[in-house]
Amino acid sequence: MSNLDNKNKNKNILVENIIVFFLFTVFLVFKSLKTLSKIFTYGIIKKEILTTKSNLGVDIKIKIK
């Protein structure tokens, strides 16, 4: 019986590790996609136009920590 219990515990630990790894991976992918979307939308929406003839612009983001 002890051998069967050890096998079941090992399987349970493996399944728990896979679930934690999957959730952590999903969280990281979501966070990175959110960051990428902020970068691209900031550049498109917040364009400061320098001249009206050439339509040149810059994006300035100041972070103070």
C-alpha atoms as a PDB file:
ATOM      1  CA  MET A   1       0.000   0.000   0.000  1.00  0.00           C
ATOM      2  CA  SER A   2       2.801   2.378   0.798  1.00  0.00           C
ATOM      3  CA  ASN A   3       4.194   2.110  -2.718  1.00  0.00           C
ATOM      4  CA  LEU A   4       0.805   2.998  -4.224  1.00  0.00           C
ATOM      5  CA  ASP A   5       0.436   5.981  -1.904  1.00  0.00           C
ATOM      6  CA  ASN A   6       3.862   7.287  -2.914  1.00  0.00           C
ATOM      7  CA  LYS A   7       3.006   6.998  -6.611  1.00  0.00           C
ATOM      8  CA  ASN A   8      -0.261   8.877  -6.104  1.00  0.00           C
ATOM      9  CA  LYS A   9       1.506  11.614  -4.140  1.00  0.00           C
ATOM     10  CA  ASN A  10       4.120  11.967  -6.871  1.00  0.00           C
ATOM     11  CA  LYS A  11       1.407  12.250  -9.517  1.00  0.00           C
ATOM     12  CA  ASN A  12      -0.453  14.849  -7.453  1.00  0.00           C
ATOM     13  CA  ILE A  13       2.696  16.913  -7.002  1.00  0.00           C
ATOM     14  CA  LEU A  14       3.392  16.742 -10.731  1.00  0.00           C
ATOM     15  CA  VAL A  15      -0.140  17.859 -11.603  1.00  0.00           C
ATOM     16  CA  GLU A  16       0.042  20.721  -9.097  1.00  0.00           C
ATOM     17  CA  ASN A  17       3.366  21.867 -10.538  1.00  0.00           C
ATOM     18  CA  ILE A  18       1.981  21.788 -14.073  1.00  0.00           C
ATOM     19  CA  ILE A  19      -1.065  23.822 -13.029  1.00  0.00           C
ATOM     20  CA  VAL A  20       1.067  26.433 -11.255  1.00  0.00           C
ATOM     21  CA  PHE A  21       3.431  26.656 -14.233  1.00  0.00           C
ATOM     22  CA  PHE A  22       0.509  27.066 -16.644  1.00  0.00           C
ATOM     23  CA  LEU A  23      -1.115  29.814 -14.558  1.00  0.00           C
ATOM     24  CA  PHE A  24       2.203  31.639 -14.174  1.00  0.00           C
ATOM     25  CA  THR A  25       2.823  31.442 -17.929  1.00  0.00           C
ATOM     26  CA  VAL A  26      -0.661  32.753 -18.741  1.00  0.00           C
ATOM     27  CA  PHE A  27      -0.141  35.624 -16.292  1.00  0.00           C
ATOM     28  CA  LEU A  28       3.205  36.574 -17.844  1.00  0.00           C
ATOM     29  CA  VAL A  29       1.839  36.439 -21.395  1.00  0.00           C
ATOM     30  CA  PHE A  30      -1.145  38.600 -20.430  1.00  0.00           C
ATOM     31  CA  LYS A  31       1.085  41.134 -18.679  1.00  0.00           C
ATOM     32  CA  SER A  32       3.501  41.344 -21.615  1.00  0.00           C
ATOM     33  CA  LEU A  33       0.673  41.783 -24.136  1.00  0.00           C
ATOM     34  CA  LYS A  34      -0.790  44.525 -21.957  1.00  0.00           C
ATOM     35  CA  THR A  35       2.580  46.311 -21.860  1.00  0.00           C
ATOM     36  CA  LEU A  36       3.023  46.010 -25.620  1.00  0.00           C
ATOM     37  CA  SER A  37      -0.455  47.375 -26.253  1.00  0.00           C
ATOM     38  CA  LYS A  38       0.292  50.371 -24.005  1.00  0.00           C
ATOM     39  CA  ILE A  39       3.485  51.101 -25.927  1.00  0.00           C
ATOM     40  CA  PHE A  40       1.817  51.010 -29.336  1.00  0.00           C
ATOM     41  CA  THR A  41      -1.343  52.892 -28.364  1.00  0.00           C
ATOM     42  CA  TYR A  42       0.690  55.575 -26.613  1.00  0.00           C
ATOM     43  CA  GLY A  43       2.647  56.254 -29.796  1.00  0.00           C
ATOM     44  CA  ILE A  44      -0.466  56.406 -31.980  1.00  0.00           C
ATOM     45  CA  ILE A  45      -2.818  58.390 -29.746  1.00  0.00           C
ATOM     46  CA  LYS A  46      -0.466  60.833 -27.999  1.00  0.00           C
ATOM     47  CA  LYS A  47       1.438  62.239 -30.967  1.00  0.00           C
ATOM     48  CA  GLU A  48       2.521  65.842 -30.481  1.00  0.00           C
ATOM     49  CA  ILE A  49       2.701  67.567 -33.870  1.00  0.00           C
ATOM     50  CA  LEU A  50       5.728  69.857 -34.257  1.00  0.00           C
ATOM     51  CA  THR A  51       4.961  71.347 -37.662  1.00  0.00           C
ATOM     52  CA  THR A  52       1.782  71.447 -39.685  1.00  0.00           C
ATOM     53  CA  LYS A  53       3.551  71.170 -43.042  1.00  0.00           C
ATOM     54  CA  SER A  54       5.525  68.003 -42.469  1.00  0.00           C
ATOM     55  CA  ASN A  55       3.320  66.417 -39.786  1.00  0.00           C
ATOM     56  CA  LEU A  56       6.392  65.495 -37.750  1.00  0.00           C
ATOM     57  CA  GLY A  57       5.817  64.485 -34.181  1.00  0.00           C
ATOM     58  CA  VAL A  58       7.444  63.115 -31.071  1.00  0.00           C
ATOM     59  CA  ASP A  59       6.318  61.069 -28.119  1.00  0.00           C
ATOM     60  CA  ILE A  60       7.712  61.990 -24.722  1.00  0.00           C
ATOM     61  CA  LYS A  61       6.939  59.957 -21.658  1.00  0.00           C
ATOM     62  CA  ILE A  62       8.428  61.118 -18.359  1.00  0.00           C
ATOM     63  CA  LYS A  63       8.511  58.752 -15.413  1.00  0.00           C
ATOM     64  CA  ILE A  64       9.545  60.000 -11.993  1.00  0.00           C
ATOM     65  CA  LYS A  65      10.273  57.414  -9.336  1.00  0.00           C
END
